[in-house]
Amino acid sequence: MISALTIIIKNNECILTQEF
């Protein structure tokens, strides 16, 4: 479960980084 949450957080950070 922790791994899945970590992946989701990492993906969100990547999306935010690309947007900004």
PDB file of N, CA and C in Angstrom:
ATOM      1  N   MET A   1       0.845  -1.205   0.000  1.00  0.00           N
ATOM      2  CA  MET A   1       0.000   0.000   0.000  1.00  0.00           C
ATOM      3  C   MET A   1       0.879   1.254   0.000  1.00  0.00           C
ATOM      4  N   ILE A   2       1.910   1.258   0.822  1.00  0.00           N
ATOM      5  CA  ILE A   2       2.800   2.428   0.883  1.00  0.00           C
ATOM      6  C   ILE A   2       3.442   2.654  -0.487  1.00  0.00           C
ATOM      7  N   SER A   3       3.842   1.579  -1.143  1.00  0.00           N
ATOM      8  CA  SER A   3       4.496   1.716  -2.455  1.00  0.00           C
ATOM      9  C   SER A   3       3.534   2.373  -3.445  1.00  0.00           C
ATOM     10  N   ALA A   4       2.276   1.943  -3.453  1.00  0.00           N
ATOM     11  CA  ALA A   4       1.295   2.508  -4.378  1.00  0.00           C
ATOM     12  C   ALA A   4       1.126   3.997  -4.107  1.00  0.00           C
ATOM     13  N   LEU A   5       1.002   4.360  -2.827  1.00  0.00           N
ATOM     14  CA  LEU A   5       0.836   5.779  -2.492  1.00  0.00           C
ATOM     15  C   LEU A   5       2.059   6.562  -2.922  1.00  0.00           C
ATOM     16  N   THR A   6       3.230   5.995  -2.718  1.00  0.00           N
ATOM     17  CA  THR A   6       4.471   6.686  -3.103  1.00  0.00           C
ATOM     18  C   THR A   6       4.499   6.931  -4.607  1.00  0.00           C
ATOM     19  N   ILE A   7       4.106   5.918  -5.370  1.00  0.00           N
ATOM     20  CA  ILE A   7       4.104   6.066  -6.838  1.00  0.00           C
ATOM     21  C   ILE A   7       3.133   7.174  -7.242  1.00  0.00           C
ATOM     22  N   ILE A   8       1.954   7.186  -6.622  1.00  0.00           N
ATOM     23  CA  ILE A   8       0.953   8.210  -6.963  1.00  0.00           C
ATOM     24  C   ILE A   8       1.513   9.592  -6.649  1.00  0.00           C
ATOM     25  N   ILE A   9       2.132   9.732  -5.475  1.00  0.00           N
ATOM     26  CA  ILE A   9       2.708  11.034  -5.087  1.00  0.00           C
ATOM     27  C   ILE A   9       3.791  11.430  -6.078  1.00  0.00           C
ATOM     28  N   LYS A  10       4.654  10.495  -6.452  1.00  0.00           N
ATOM     29  CA  LYS A  10       5.735  10.798  -7.397  1.00  0.00           C
ATOM     30  C   LYS A  10       5.145  11.244  -8.724  1.00  0.00           C
ATOM     31  N   ASN A  11       4.092  10.560  -9.187  1.00  0.00           N
ATOM     32  CA  ASN A  11       3.467  10.927 -10.459  1.00  0.00           C
ATOM     33  C   ASN A  11       2.889  12.331 -10.366  1.00  0.00           C
ATOM     34  N   ASN A  12       2.234  12.640  -9.242  1.00  0.00           N
ATOM     35  CA  ASN A  12       1.656  13.980  -9.070  1.00  0.00           C
ATOM     36  C   ASN A  12       2.762  15.015  -9.105  1.00  0.00           C
ATOM     37  N   GLU A  13       3.875  14.754  -8.453  1.00  0.00           N
ATOM     38  CA  GLU A  13       4.984  15.716  -8.443  1.00  0.00           C
ATOM     39  C   GLU A  13       5.506  15.915  -9.855  1.00  0.00           C
ATOM     40  N   CYS A  14       5.626  14.848 -10.622  1.00  0.00           N
ATOM     41  CA  CYS A  14       6.124  14.965 -11.998  1.00  0.00           C
ATOM     42  C   CYS A  14       5.162  15.815 -12.821  1.00  0.00           C
ATOM     43  N   ILE A  15       3.866  15.592 -12.649  1.00  0.00           N
ATOM     44  CA  ILE A  15       2.876  16.365 -13.413  1.00  0.00           C
ATOM     45  C   ILE A  15       2.989  17.838 -13.041  1.00  0.00           C
ATOM     46  N   LEU A  16       3.080  18.120 -11.732  1.00  0.00           N
ATOM     47  CA  LEU A  16       3.184  19.521 -11.301  1.00  0.00           C
ATOM     48  C   LEU A  16       4.460  20.138 -11.846  1.00  0.00           C
ATOM     49  N   THR A  17       5.541  19.387 -11.824  1.00  0.00           N
ATOM     50  CA  THR A  17       6.813  19.915 -12.326  1.00  0.00           C
ATOM     51  C   THR A  17       6.694  20.250 -13.813  1.00  0.00           C
ATOM     52  N   GLN A  18       6.032  19.385 -14.578  1.00  0.00           N
ATOM     53  CA  GLN A  18       5.897  19.633 -16.017  1.00  0.00           C
ATOM     54  C   GLN A  18       4.991  20.838 -16.254  1.00  0.00           C
ATOM     55  N   GLU A  19       3.924  20.973 -15.423  1.00  0.00           N
ATOM     56  CA  GLU A  19       3.016  22.102 -15.610  1.00  0.00           C
ATOM     57  C   GLU A  19       3.741  23.409 -15.324  1.00  0.00           C
ATOM     58  N   PHE A  20       4.508  23.421 -14.226  1.00  0.00           N
ATOM     59  CA  PHE A  20       5.219  24.639 -13.865  1.00  0.00           C
ATOM     60  C   PHE A  20       6.585  24.657 -14.522  1.00  0.00           C
TER      61      PHE A  20
END
